[in-house]
N, C-alpha and C. Protein backbone atom coordinates (compact mmCIF):
# COMPACT_ATOMS: atom_id res chain seq x y z
N MET A 1 49.87 -19.71 -42.89
CA MET A 1 48.43 -19.53 -42.71
C MET A 1 48.15 -18.17 -42.06
N PRO A 2 47.09 -17.50 -42.50
CA PRO A 2 46.76 -16.21 -41.89
C PRO A 2 46.31 -16.42 -40.45
N LYS A 3 46.66 -15.45 -39.60
CA LYS A 3 46.32 -15.54 -38.19
C LYS A 3 44.82 -15.33 -38.01
N ILE A 4 44.18 -16.22 -37.25
CA ILE A 4 42.75 -16.10 -36.97
C ILE A 4 42.56 -15.16 -35.79
N VAL A 5 41.79 -14.10 -36.01
CA VAL A 5 41.57 -13.10 -34.97
C VAL A 5 40.23 -13.35 -34.30
N ASP A 6 40.25 -13.46 -32.98
CA ASP A 6 39.02 -13.61 -32.20
C ASP A 6 38.53 -12.20 -31.86
N HIS A 7 37.65 -11.68 -32.68
CA HIS A 7 37.19 -10.30 -32.51
C HIS A 7 36.42 -10.12 -31.21
N GLU A 8 35.64 -11.11 -30.84
CA GLU A 8 34.87 -10.98 -29.59
C GLU A 8 35.80 -10.94 -28.39
N GLU A 9 36.87 -11.72 -28.44
CA GLU A 9 37.84 -11.71 -27.34
C GLU A 9 38.52 -10.35 -27.25
N ARG A 10 38.83 -9.74 -28.39
CA ARG A 10 39.45 -8.42 -28.36
C ARG A 10 38.50 -7.36 -27.80
N ARG A 11 37.23 -7.48 -28.13
CA ARG A 11 36.24 -6.56 -27.58
C ARG A 11 36.14 -6.74 -26.06
N ARG A 12 36.23 -7.97 -25.60
CA ARG A 12 36.18 -8.21 -24.15
C ARG A 12 37.43 -7.65 -23.47
N GLN A 13 38.58 -7.75 -24.11
CA GLN A 13 39.80 -7.18 -23.54
C GLN A 13 39.67 -5.67 -23.39
N ILE A 14 39.08 -5.05 -24.38
CA ILE A 14 38.86 -3.60 -24.30
C ILE A 14 37.87 -3.28 -23.18
N ALA A 15 36.81 -4.10 -23.05
CA ALA A 15 35.82 -3.89 -21.99
C ALA A 15 36.49 -4.00 -20.62
N GLU A 16 37.37 -4.96 -20.45
CA GLU A 16 38.08 -5.10 -19.18
C GLU A 16 38.91 -3.86 -18.88
N ALA A 17 39.52 -3.29 -19.89
CA ALA A 17 40.30 -2.06 -19.70
C ALA A 17 39.38 -0.91 -19.30
N VAL A 18 38.20 -0.83 -19.90
CA VAL A 18 37.22 0.20 -19.54
C VAL A 18 36.86 0.09 -18.06
N LEU A 19 36.59 -1.13 -17.62
CA LEU A 19 36.19 -1.35 -16.23
C LEU A 19 37.32 -1.01 -15.27
N ARG A 20 38.55 -1.32 -15.63
CA ARG A 20 39.68 -1.00 -14.75
C ARG A 20 39.87 0.51 -14.64
N VAL A 21 39.78 1.21 -15.75
CA VAL A 21 39.93 2.67 -15.72
C VAL A 21 38.81 3.29 -14.90
N THR A 22 37.59 2.80 -15.09
CA THR A 22 36.45 3.34 -14.36
C THR A 22 36.59 3.11 -12.86
N ALA A 23 37.02 1.91 -12.48
CA ALA A 23 37.18 1.59 -11.06
C ALA A 23 38.25 2.46 -10.41
N LYS A 24 39.31 2.79 -11.16
CA LYS A 24 40.41 3.57 -10.60
C LYS A 24 40.11 5.06 -10.57
N ARG A 25 39.51 5.57 -11.67
CA ARG A 25 39.42 7.03 -11.81
C ARG A 25 38.04 7.55 -12.18
N GLY A 26 37.07 6.67 -12.32
CA GLY A 26 35.73 7.12 -12.66
C GLY A 26 35.53 7.21 -14.17
N LEU A 27 34.27 7.34 -14.57
CA LEU A 27 33.96 7.37 -16.00
C LEU A 27 34.50 8.61 -16.69
N GLU A 28 34.71 9.68 -15.94
CA GLU A 28 35.24 10.89 -16.55
C GLU A 28 36.61 10.65 -17.18
N ALA A 29 37.34 9.69 -16.63
CA ALA A 29 38.69 9.39 -17.13
C ALA A 29 38.67 8.43 -18.31
N VAL A 30 37.50 7.91 -18.64
CA VAL A 30 37.42 6.93 -19.72
C VAL A 30 37.37 7.64 -21.07
N SER A 31 38.39 7.43 -21.87
CA SER A 31 38.42 7.91 -23.25
C SER A 31 39.02 6.79 -24.08
N LEU A 32 38.88 6.87 -25.38
CA LEU A 32 39.48 5.84 -26.24
C LEU A 32 40.98 5.75 -26.01
N ARG A 33 41.60 6.92 -25.82
CA ARG A 33 43.06 6.94 -25.60
C ARG A 33 43.43 6.30 -24.26
N ASP A 34 42.69 6.64 -23.19
CA ASP A 34 42.99 6.08 -21.86
C ASP A 34 42.78 4.57 -21.84
N VAL A 35 41.72 4.12 -22.50
CA VAL A 35 41.43 2.69 -22.53
C VAL A 35 42.51 1.95 -23.31
N ALA A 36 42.97 2.54 -24.40
CA ALA A 36 44.05 1.92 -25.18
C ALA A 36 45.31 1.78 -24.33
N ALA A 37 45.63 2.83 -23.57
CA ALA A 37 46.82 2.78 -22.72
C ALA A 37 46.66 1.73 -21.62
N GLU A 38 45.48 1.67 -21.01
CA GLU A 38 45.24 0.70 -19.95
C GLU A 38 45.30 -0.73 -20.47
N GLY A 39 44.80 -0.94 -21.68
CA GLY A 39 44.78 -2.27 -22.25
C GLY A 39 46.05 -2.67 -22.96
N GLY A 40 46.99 -1.72 -23.07
CA GLY A 40 48.24 -2.02 -23.75
C GLY A 40 48.06 -2.29 -25.24
N ILE A 41 47.10 -1.58 -25.85
CA ILE A 41 46.83 -1.76 -27.28
C ILE A 41 46.82 -0.39 -27.95
N SER A 42 46.78 -0.38 -29.25
CA SER A 42 46.80 0.89 -29.97
C SER A 42 45.41 1.53 -29.95
N MET A 43 45.39 2.84 -30.03
CA MET A 43 44.12 3.56 -30.08
C MET A 43 43.36 3.20 -31.36
N GLY A 44 44.10 2.91 -32.41
CA GLY A 44 43.46 2.52 -33.67
C GLY A 44 42.67 1.23 -33.52
N ARG A 45 43.20 0.31 -32.72
CA ARG A 45 42.48 -0.95 -32.51
C ARG A 45 41.19 -0.71 -31.74
N VAL A 46 41.26 0.17 -30.73
CA VAL A 46 40.04 0.49 -29.98
C VAL A 46 39.01 1.10 -30.91
N GLN A 47 39.44 2.03 -31.75
CA GLN A 47 38.52 2.69 -32.69
C GLN A 47 37.99 1.72 -33.74
N HIS A 48 38.73 0.67 -34.01
CA HIS A 48 38.28 -0.33 -34.97
C HIS A 48 37.04 -1.05 -34.45
N TYR A 49 36.98 -1.27 -33.13
CA TYR A 49 35.87 -2.01 -32.54
C TYR A 49 34.76 -1.10 -32.00
N PHE A 50 35.11 0.12 -31.61
CA PHE A 50 34.11 1.04 -31.05
C PHE A 50 34.30 2.42 -31.65
N THR A 51 33.25 2.93 -32.26
CA THR A 51 33.37 4.21 -32.95
C THR A 51 33.33 5.41 -32.01
N ASN A 52 32.76 5.21 -30.80
CA ASN A 52 32.70 6.32 -29.85
C ASN A 52 32.65 5.79 -28.43
N LYS A 53 32.75 6.70 -27.48
CA LYS A 53 32.82 6.32 -26.06
C LYS A 53 31.55 5.62 -25.60
N ASP A 54 30.38 6.15 -25.98
CA ASP A 54 29.13 5.57 -25.49
C ASP A 54 28.93 4.14 -25.97
N GLU A 55 29.30 3.87 -27.21
CA GLU A 55 29.21 2.50 -27.73
C GLU A 55 30.11 1.57 -26.93
N MET A 56 31.28 2.05 -26.59
CA MET A 56 32.24 1.28 -25.81
C MET A 56 31.71 1.05 -24.39
N LEU A 57 31.08 2.05 -23.80
CA LEU A 57 30.56 1.93 -22.45
C LEU A 57 29.40 0.93 -22.37
N VAL A 58 28.52 0.95 -23.36
CA VAL A 58 27.40 0.01 -23.37
C VAL A 58 27.92 -1.42 -23.43
N PHE A 59 28.90 -1.65 -24.29
CA PHE A 59 29.46 -3.00 -24.38
C PHE A 59 30.14 -3.40 -23.07
N ALA A 60 30.89 -2.47 -22.47
CA ALA A 60 31.59 -2.77 -21.22
C ALA A 60 30.59 -3.06 -20.10
N CYS A 61 29.49 -2.33 -20.08
CA CYS A 61 28.46 -2.57 -19.07
C CYS A 61 27.86 -3.96 -19.25
N GLY A 62 27.56 -4.33 -20.49
CA GLY A 62 27.04 -5.65 -20.78
C GLY A 62 28.02 -6.74 -20.39
N PHE A 63 29.31 -6.51 -20.63
CA PHE A 63 30.34 -7.47 -20.27
C PHE A 63 30.39 -7.66 -18.76
N MET A 64 30.27 -6.55 -18.01
CA MET A 64 30.29 -6.62 -16.56
C MET A 64 29.10 -7.42 -16.03
N ILE A 65 27.93 -7.21 -16.60
CA ILE A 65 26.73 -7.94 -16.18
C ILE A 65 26.86 -9.42 -16.51
N GLU A 66 27.40 -9.71 -17.69
CA GLU A 66 27.61 -11.10 -18.09
C GLU A 66 28.56 -11.80 -17.12
N ARG A 67 29.58 -11.10 -16.68
CA ARG A 67 30.54 -11.67 -15.75
C ARG A 67 29.89 -11.93 -14.38
N MET A 68 29.03 -11.01 -13.95
CA MET A 68 28.33 -11.21 -12.68
C MET A 68 27.37 -12.39 -12.77
N ASN A 69 26.66 -12.50 -13.88
CA ASN A 69 25.74 -13.63 -14.06
C ASN A 69 26.49 -14.96 -14.04
N GLN A 70 27.69 -14.95 -14.60
CA GLN A 70 28.50 -16.18 -14.58
C GLN A 70 28.89 -16.55 -13.16
N ARG A 71 29.24 -15.53 -12.35
CA ARG A 71 29.59 -15.81 -10.95
C ARG A 71 28.38 -16.35 -10.19
N ILE A 72 27.19 -15.80 -10.47
CA ILE A 72 25.98 -16.30 -9.82
C ILE A 72 25.74 -17.76 -10.19
N ALA A 73 25.88 -18.08 -11.48
CA ALA A 73 25.69 -19.45 -11.94
C ALA A 73 26.69 -20.39 -11.27
N GLU A 74 27.92 -19.94 -11.11
CA GLU A 74 28.94 -20.77 -10.46
C GLU A 74 28.63 -20.97 -8.99
N ARG A 75 28.13 -19.91 -8.33
CA ARG A 75 27.77 -20.01 -6.92
C ARG A 75 26.64 -21.01 -6.73
N ILE A 76 25.63 -20.95 -7.61
CA ILE A 76 24.50 -21.86 -7.52
C ILE A 76 24.96 -23.30 -7.78
N ALA A 77 25.80 -23.47 -8.79
CA ALA A 77 26.28 -24.81 -9.13
C ALA A 77 27.10 -25.43 -8.01
N ALA A 78 27.79 -24.57 -7.25
CA ALA A 78 28.65 -25.07 -6.17
C ALA A 78 27.86 -25.49 -4.94
N ALA A 79 26.61 -25.05 -4.84
CA ALA A 79 25.78 -25.40 -3.68
C ALA A 79 25.44 -26.88 -3.73
N PRO A 80 25.38 -27.52 -2.57
CA PRO A 80 25.06 -28.96 -2.55
C PRO A 80 23.65 -29.24 -3.06
N ALA A 81 23.48 -30.37 -3.73
CA ALA A 81 22.18 -30.76 -4.24
C ALA A 81 21.43 -31.55 -3.16
N PRO A 82 20.08 -31.54 -3.16
CA PRO A 82 19.25 -30.75 -4.08
C PRO A 82 19.22 -29.27 -3.67
N LYS A 83 19.11 -28.38 -4.64
CA LYS A 83 19.13 -26.95 -4.38
C LYS A 83 17.69 -26.45 -4.20
N THR A 84 17.43 -25.84 -3.08
CA THR A 84 16.09 -25.30 -2.83
C THR A 84 15.96 -23.93 -3.46
N GLY A 85 14.73 -23.47 -3.61
CA GLY A 85 14.50 -22.14 -4.14
C GLY A 85 15.13 -21.07 -3.27
N ARG A 86 15.09 -21.28 -1.95
CA ARG A 86 15.69 -20.32 -1.03
C ARG A 86 17.19 -20.22 -1.26
N GLU A 87 17.85 -21.36 -1.41
CA GLU A 87 19.31 -21.36 -1.63
C GLU A 87 19.67 -20.67 -2.94
N ILE A 88 18.89 -20.91 -3.96
CA ILE A 88 19.18 -20.29 -5.25
C ILE A 88 19.01 -18.78 -5.18
N LEU A 89 17.91 -18.33 -4.59
CA LEU A 89 17.68 -16.88 -4.48
C LEU A 89 18.74 -16.23 -3.59
N ARG A 90 19.11 -16.91 -2.52
CA ARG A 90 20.14 -16.34 -1.64
C ARG A 90 21.46 -16.19 -2.40
N SER A 91 21.79 -17.15 -3.23
CA SER A 91 23.03 -17.06 -4.02
C SER A 91 23.01 -15.83 -4.91
N VAL A 92 21.86 -15.56 -5.52
CA VAL A 92 21.73 -14.39 -6.40
C VAL A 92 21.92 -13.10 -5.60
N PHE A 93 21.21 -12.97 -4.48
CA PHE A 93 21.24 -11.73 -3.72
C PHE A 93 22.61 -11.50 -3.08
N VAL A 94 23.23 -12.56 -2.60
CA VAL A 94 24.54 -12.42 -1.97
C VAL A 94 25.58 -12.00 -2.99
N GLU A 95 25.48 -12.51 -4.21
CA GLU A 95 26.46 -12.14 -5.24
C GLU A 95 26.37 -10.66 -5.58
N ILE A 96 25.21 -10.07 -5.44
CA ILE A 96 25.03 -8.65 -5.75
C ILE A 96 25.73 -7.76 -4.72
N LEU A 97 25.85 -8.23 -3.49
CA LEU A 97 26.43 -7.41 -2.43
C LEU A 97 27.95 -7.27 -2.60
N PRO A 98 28.51 -6.10 -2.30
CA PRO A 98 29.97 -5.88 -2.44
C PRO A 98 30.73 -6.42 -1.23
N LEU A 99 30.85 -7.75 -1.15
CA LEU A 99 31.43 -8.39 0.02
C LEU A 99 32.91 -8.73 -0.13
N ASP A 100 33.47 -8.54 -1.30
CA ASP A 100 34.91 -8.73 -1.48
C ASP A 100 35.40 -7.67 -2.46
N GLU A 101 36.70 -7.62 -2.68
CA GLU A 101 37.25 -6.52 -3.49
C GLU A 101 36.76 -6.56 -4.93
N GLU A 102 36.62 -7.76 -5.49
CA GLU A 102 36.14 -7.85 -6.87
C GLU A 102 34.73 -7.27 -6.99
N ARG A 103 33.86 -7.63 -6.03
CA ARG A 103 32.49 -7.13 -6.09
C ARG A 103 32.41 -5.65 -5.70
N ARG A 104 33.29 -5.20 -4.80
CA ARG A 104 33.31 -3.77 -4.48
C ARG A 104 33.72 -2.96 -5.70
N GLU A 105 34.71 -3.45 -6.43
CA GLU A 105 35.12 -2.76 -7.66
C GLU A 105 33.98 -2.75 -8.67
N GLY A 106 33.29 -3.87 -8.81
CA GLY A 106 32.16 -3.93 -9.72
C GLY A 106 31.04 -2.98 -9.33
N THR A 107 30.82 -2.84 -8.02
CA THR A 107 29.77 -1.94 -7.54
C THR A 107 30.14 -0.49 -7.83
N ARG A 108 31.40 -0.14 -7.63
CA ARG A 108 31.82 1.24 -7.94
C ARG A 108 31.62 1.54 -9.42
N VAL A 109 31.94 0.59 -10.25
CA VAL A 109 31.75 0.77 -11.70
C VAL A 109 30.27 0.89 -12.04
N TRP A 110 29.45 0.01 -11.44
CA TRP A 110 28.00 0.04 -11.71
C TRP A 110 27.40 1.39 -11.32
N ILE A 111 27.80 1.92 -10.17
CA ILE A 111 27.29 3.22 -9.73
C ILE A 111 27.71 4.32 -10.69
N ALA A 112 28.94 4.23 -11.20
CA ALA A 112 29.40 5.22 -12.17
C ALA A 112 28.58 5.13 -13.46
N PHE A 113 28.30 3.91 -13.91
CA PHE A 113 27.46 3.73 -15.09
C PHE A 113 26.06 4.27 -14.84
N LEU A 114 25.54 4.02 -13.65
CA LEU A 114 24.18 4.46 -13.33
C LEU A 114 24.08 5.98 -13.38
N ALA A 115 25.08 6.66 -12.85
CA ALA A 115 25.07 8.12 -12.88
C ALA A 115 25.09 8.64 -14.31
N ARG A 116 25.91 8.04 -15.15
CA ARG A 116 25.96 8.48 -16.55
C ARG A 116 24.67 8.15 -17.29
N ALA A 117 24.08 7.00 -16.96
CA ALA A 117 22.86 6.57 -17.65
C ALA A 117 21.70 7.53 -17.43
N SER A 118 21.73 8.26 -16.32
CA SER A 118 20.65 9.22 -16.08
C SER A 118 20.65 10.35 -17.09
N LEU A 119 21.77 10.50 -17.81
CA LEU A 119 21.91 11.59 -18.79
C LEU A 119 22.09 11.09 -20.22
N GLU A 120 22.46 9.81 -20.37
CA GLU A 120 22.77 9.28 -21.70
C GLU A 120 21.72 8.24 -22.08
N PRO A 121 20.87 8.52 -23.07
CA PRO A 121 19.71 7.68 -23.38
C PRO A 121 20.04 6.23 -23.74
N THR A 122 21.10 6.01 -24.50
CA THR A 122 21.41 4.64 -24.92
C THR A 122 21.79 3.77 -23.74
N LEU A 123 22.64 4.31 -22.87
CA LEU A 123 23.06 3.57 -21.68
C LEU A 123 21.88 3.39 -20.72
N LYS A 124 21.05 4.42 -20.62
CA LYS A 124 19.86 4.33 -19.77
C LYS A 124 18.95 3.19 -20.22
N SER A 125 18.71 3.11 -21.52
CA SER A 125 17.85 2.06 -22.06
C SER A 125 18.45 0.68 -21.80
N PHE A 126 19.76 0.57 -21.97
CA PHE A 126 20.43 -0.71 -21.75
C PHE A 126 20.31 -1.15 -20.30
N MET A 127 20.54 -0.23 -19.37
CA MET A 127 20.50 -0.58 -17.95
C MET A 127 19.07 -0.88 -17.51
N ARG A 128 18.11 -0.15 -18.06
CA ARG A 128 16.71 -0.43 -17.73
C ARG A 128 16.32 -1.83 -18.20
N ASP A 129 16.74 -2.18 -19.42
CA ASP A 129 16.45 -3.52 -19.94
C ASP A 129 17.11 -4.60 -19.08
N THR A 130 18.29 -4.30 -18.56
CA THR A 130 18.98 -5.24 -17.68
C THR A 130 18.18 -5.46 -16.40
N TRP A 131 17.66 -4.38 -15.83
CA TRP A 131 16.85 -4.50 -14.62
C TRP A 131 15.56 -5.28 -14.89
N ILE A 132 14.95 -5.01 -16.03
CA ILE A 132 13.70 -5.72 -16.38
C ILE A 132 13.97 -7.22 -16.50
N ALA A 133 15.05 -7.57 -17.18
CA ALA A 133 15.40 -8.98 -17.32
C ALA A 133 15.69 -9.62 -15.97
N GLY A 134 16.40 -8.89 -15.11
CA GLY A 134 16.70 -9.41 -13.78
C GLY A 134 15.44 -9.64 -12.97
N HIS A 135 14.51 -8.69 -13.06
CA HIS A 135 13.22 -8.85 -12.35
C HIS A 135 12.50 -10.10 -12.84
N HIS A 136 12.42 -10.28 -14.14
CA HIS A 136 11.73 -11.45 -14.70
C HIS A 136 12.38 -12.75 -14.23
N ASN A 137 13.71 -12.78 -14.18
CA ASN A 137 14.40 -14.00 -13.76
C ASN A 137 14.12 -14.34 -12.29
N ILE A 138 14.16 -13.32 -11.43
CA ILE A 138 13.89 -13.55 -10.01
C ILE A 138 12.44 -13.99 -9.82
N ALA A 139 11.51 -13.32 -10.50
CA ALA A 139 10.10 -13.68 -10.38
C ALA A 139 9.87 -15.12 -10.84
N ALA A 140 10.57 -15.53 -11.90
CA ALA A 140 10.44 -16.90 -12.40
C ALA A 140 10.95 -17.91 -11.36
N MET A 141 12.06 -17.57 -10.68
CA MET A 141 12.58 -18.44 -9.63
C MET A 141 11.57 -18.56 -8.48
N MET A 142 10.94 -17.44 -8.15
CA MET A 142 9.95 -17.47 -7.07
C MET A 142 8.72 -18.29 -7.46
N ARG A 143 8.27 -18.15 -8.71
CA ARG A 143 7.11 -18.93 -9.15
C ARG A 143 7.43 -20.43 -9.13
N ALA A 144 8.65 -20.77 -9.54
CA ALA A 144 9.05 -22.18 -9.52
C ALA A 144 9.07 -22.72 -8.10
N ALA A 145 9.60 -21.92 -7.17
CA ALA A 145 9.63 -22.34 -5.77
C ALA A 145 8.22 -22.46 -5.21
N GLN A 146 7.35 -21.56 -5.64
CA GLN A 146 5.95 -21.60 -5.19
C GLN A 146 5.25 -22.86 -5.68
N LYS A 147 5.51 -23.24 -6.92
CA LYS A 147 4.90 -24.46 -7.47
C LYS A 147 5.38 -25.70 -6.72
N ARG A 148 6.61 -25.64 -6.19
CA ARG A 148 7.14 -26.78 -5.43
C ARG A 148 6.65 -26.76 -3.98
N GLY A 149 5.87 -25.75 -3.63
CA GLY A 149 5.34 -25.66 -2.28
C GLY A 149 6.29 -25.02 -1.28
N GLU A 150 7.38 -24.41 -1.76
CA GLU A 150 8.36 -23.80 -0.85
C GLU A 150 7.92 -22.41 -0.40
N ILE A 151 7.20 -21.71 -1.26
CA ILE A 151 6.68 -20.38 -0.95
C ILE A 151 5.16 -20.49 -0.85
N PRO A 152 4.55 -19.94 0.19
CA PRO A 152 3.09 -20.03 0.34
C PRO A 152 2.34 -19.54 -0.89
N ALA A 153 1.22 -20.19 -1.17
CA ALA A 153 0.45 -19.89 -2.37
C ALA A 153 -0.15 -18.50 -2.37
N ASP A 154 -0.27 -17.88 -1.19
CA ASP A 154 -0.88 -16.55 -1.12
C ASP A 154 0.11 -15.42 -1.40
N ARG A 155 1.35 -15.75 -1.68
CA ARG A 155 2.35 -14.74 -1.99
C ARG A 155 2.33 -14.43 -3.49
N ASP A 156 2.48 -13.16 -3.83
CA ASP A 156 2.53 -12.72 -5.23
C ASP A 156 3.99 -12.61 -5.65
N PRO A 157 4.48 -13.49 -6.53
CA PRO A 157 5.90 -13.47 -6.92
C PRO A 157 6.36 -12.12 -7.49
N GLU A 158 5.49 -11.43 -8.22
CA GLU A 158 5.88 -10.14 -8.78
C GLU A 158 6.14 -9.12 -7.67
N ARG A 159 5.24 -9.04 -6.73
CA ARG A 159 5.41 -8.09 -5.63
C ARG A 159 6.59 -8.49 -4.74
N GLU A 160 6.75 -9.78 -4.52
CA GLU A 160 7.86 -10.24 -3.70
C GLU A 160 9.21 -9.97 -4.37
N THR A 161 9.22 -10.02 -5.69
CA THR A 161 10.45 -9.70 -6.42
C THR A 161 10.84 -8.24 -6.23
N VAL A 162 9.85 -7.36 -6.32
CA VAL A 162 10.11 -5.93 -6.09
C VAL A 162 10.69 -5.72 -4.69
N SER A 163 10.09 -6.36 -3.69
CA SER A 163 10.56 -6.21 -2.31
C SER A 163 11.99 -6.73 -2.14
N ALA A 164 12.25 -7.92 -2.69
CA ALA A 164 13.56 -8.55 -2.51
C ALA A 164 14.66 -7.76 -3.21
N LEU A 165 14.40 -7.33 -4.44
CA LEU A 165 15.41 -6.58 -5.18
C LEU A 165 15.62 -5.19 -4.57
N SER A 166 14.55 -4.58 -4.08
CA SER A 166 14.68 -3.27 -3.44
C SER A 166 15.54 -3.38 -2.18
N LEU A 167 15.33 -4.44 -1.41
CA LEU A 167 16.14 -4.65 -0.21
C LEU A 167 17.60 -4.84 -0.58
N THR A 168 17.86 -5.73 -1.53
CA THR A 168 19.25 -6.04 -1.89
C THR A 168 19.95 -4.83 -2.50
N ASP A 169 19.29 -4.16 -3.44
CA ASP A 169 19.89 -2.97 -4.05
C ASP A 169 20.13 -1.88 -3.00
N GLY A 170 19.21 -1.76 -2.05
CA GLY A 170 19.38 -0.76 -1.00
C GLY A 170 20.57 -1.06 -0.10
N LEU A 171 20.83 -2.34 0.14
CA LEU A 171 21.95 -2.72 0.99
C LEU A 171 23.30 -2.45 0.33
N VAL A 172 23.33 -2.48 -1.00
CA VAL A 172 24.61 -2.40 -1.72
C VAL A 172 25.40 -1.16 -1.33
N SER A 173 24.80 0.02 -1.42
CA SER A 173 25.54 1.25 -1.13
C SER A 173 25.90 1.35 0.34
N HIS A 174 25.04 0.85 1.23
CA HIS A 174 25.34 0.90 2.66
C HIS A 174 26.54 0.01 3.00
N VAL A 175 26.61 -1.15 2.38
CA VAL A 175 27.77 -2.03 2.61
C VAL A 175 29.02 -1.42 2.00
N LEU A 176 28.89 -0.87 0.80
CA LEU A 176 30.05 -0.28 0.12
C LEU A 176 30.66 0.86 0.94
N MET A 177 29.82 1.67 1.57
CA MET A 177 30.29 2.81 2.34
C MET A 177 30.65 2.45 3.78
N GLY A 178 30.45 1.18 4.16
CA GLY A 178 30.81 0.76 5.51
C GLY A 178 29.77 1.08 6.56
N HIS A 179 28.58 1.51 6.13
CA HIS A 179 27.51 1.80 7.09
C HIS A 179 26.98 0.51 7.71
N TYR A 180 26.75 -0.50 6.86
CA TYR A 180 26.35 -1.82 7.34
C TYR A 180 27.48 -2.81 7.10
N SER A 181 27.69 -3.68 8.04
CA SER A 181 28.70 -4.73 7.88
C SER A 181 28.15 -5.83 6.98
N ALA A 182 29.04 -6.69 6.53
CA ALA A 182 28.61 -7.83 5.72
C ALA A 182 27.64 -8.70 6.52
N GLU A 183 27.93 -8.87 7.81
CA GLU A 183 27.07 -9.70 8.65
C GLU A 183 25.66 -9.11 8.75
N THR A 184 25.57 -7.80 8.90
CA THR A 184 24.27 -7.14 8.99
C THR A 184 23.48 -7.31 7.70
N ALA A 185 24.16 -7.14 6.56
CA ALA A 185 23.49 -7.26 5.26
C ALA A 185 23.02 -8.69 5.03
N LEU A 186 23.86 -9.66 5.34
CA LEU A 186 23.48 -11.07 5.14
C LEU A 186 22.32 -11.45 6.05
N ARG A 187 22.33 -10.92 7.27
CA ARG A 187 21.23 -11.22 8.19
C ARG A 187 19.92 -10.64 7.66
N ALA A 188 19.98 -9.43 7.08
CA ALA A 188 18.78 -8.82 6.52
C ALA A 188 18.22 -9.66 5.37
N ILE A 189 19.10 -10.16 4.52
CA ILE A 189 18.65 -11.01 3.41
C ILE A 189 18.08 -12.32 3.94
N ASP A 190 18.74 -12.92 4.91
CA ASP A 190 18.25 -14.18 5.48
C ASP A 190 16.89 -13.98 6.17
N ASP A 191 16.75 -12.86 6.89
CA ASP A 191 15.47 -12.58 7.54
C ASP A 191 14.36 -12.44 6.50
N HIS A 192 14.67 -11.74 5.40
CA HIS A 192 13.67 -11.56 4.35
C HIS A 192 13.29 -12.90 3.72
N LEU A 193 14.27 -13.72 3.43
CA LEU A 193 14.00 -15.03 2.83
C LEU A 193 13.26 -15.95 3.80
N ASP A 194 13.57 -15.84 5.09
CA ASP A 194 12.85 -16.64 6.08
C ASP A 194 11.36 -16.31 6.06
N ARG A 195 11.05 -15.01 5.96
CA ARG A 195 9.65 -14.60 5.91
C ARG A 195 9.00 -15.04 4.61
N LEU A 196 9.74 -14.92 3.50
CA LEU A 196 9.18 -15.29 2.20
C LEU A 196 8.89 -16.77 2.11
N PHE A 197 9.78 -17.59 2.66
CA PHE A 197 9.64 -19.04 2.55
C PHE A 197 8.96 -19.65 3.78
N ALA A 198 8.34 -18.82 4.60
CA ALA A 198 7.64 -19.34 5.77
C ALA A 198 6.53 -20.28 5.33
N THR A 199 6.39 -21.39 6.01
CA THR A 199 5.38 -22.38 5.62
C THR A 199 3.98 -21.96 6.03
N LYS A 200 3.89 -21.00 6.97
CA LYS A 200 2.58 -20.50 7.38
C LYS A 200 2.40 -19.09 6.87
N SER A 201 1.19 -18.77 6.48
CA SER A 201 0.90 -17.42 6.05
C SER A 201 0.91 -16.50 7.26
N ARG A 202 0.94 -15.20 7.02
CA ARG A 202 0.94 -14.23 8.11
C ARG A 202 -0.30 -14.38 8.97
N GLY A 203 -1.45 -14.59 8.31
CA GLY A 203 -2.69 -14.70 9.05
C GLY A 203 -2.67 -15.90 9.99
N GLN A 204 -2.15 -17.02 9.53
CA GLN A 204 -2.04 -18.21 10.37
C GLN A 204 -1.12 -17.96 11.56
N ALA A 205 0.01 -17.31 11.28
CA ALA A 205 0.98 -17.04 12.34
C ALA A 205 0.38 -16.13 13.39
N ASP A 206 -0.37 -15.09 12.98
CA ASP A 206 -1.00 -14.17 13.91
C ASP A 206 -2.02 -14.89 14.76
N CYS A 207 -2.78 -15.80 14.15
CA CYS A 207 -3.80 -16.56 14.87
C CYS A 207 -3.15 -17.44 15.94
N VAL A 208 -2.08 -18.13 15.56
CA VAL A 208 -1.36 -18.97 16.51
C VAL A 208 -0.82 -18.16 17.67
N SER A 209 -0.29 -16.96 17.35
CA SER A 209 0.25 -16.10 18.39
C SER A 209 -0.83 -15.66 19.37
N ARG A 210 -2.02 -15.33 18.84
CA ARG A 210 -3.09 -14.81 19.69
C ARG A 210 -3.60 -15.87 20.66
N ILE A 211 -3.64 -17.14 20.24
CA ILE A 211 -4.19 -18.16 21.13
C ILE A 211 -3.10 -18.79 22.01
N GLY A 212 -1.88 -18.28 21.89
CA GLY A 212 -0.82 -18.68 22.79
C GLY A 212 -0.22 -20.04 22.53
N ILE A 213 -0.30 -20.50 21.28
CA ILE A 213 0.29 -21.79 20.93
C ILE A 213 1.71 -21.57 20.46
N ASP A 214 2.62 -22.39 20.95
CA ASP A 214 4.01 -22.29 20.53
C ASP A 214 4.13 -22.82 19.12
N ALA A 215 4.45 -21.93 18.12
CA ALA A 215 4.57 -22.35 16.73
C ALA A 215 5.92 -23.02 16.52
């Protein structure tokens, strides 16, 4: 019987080789030849699946994002039930932070892709679409939590999504460079979520504070 070839699996193997080369030496070192050597496959096989470097990079970037989304889903699934909106959002934000070697490597690769995307239109479009999708997903989680009464009704999920993602993305490079510790970053996320999921609006809290009532 003829051997059945899993073409998608071979493309993923090549993507893994791209990510390893990028993590070790940066995107400048990524070529079809280098990726073939890293993956232990022939250059002809790489060229069979990807006609040029940019096509290969877009696929590898998508593979990396897919892998991160899978880790987020696993983290959420591992949390004890029932899962609150706060727990779900915290799982997403914590997974983005480079808190272990796997995530630090992923962050280095993402930053390398981001730098190239500023000059390469196809990769730029792909990464922008990824951010747009991520924003929509977070906003949907916030709206669901708001409908359950976990987030005050006066909060705007779209604006809160911008704030939450800006905080988390901003923490990434600081943690990666050792400026902020993991504990500092996690505390910042927890503080932000505590404010977002506060049962009293800011106006109510200020009023309580002014009249000297212990909230």
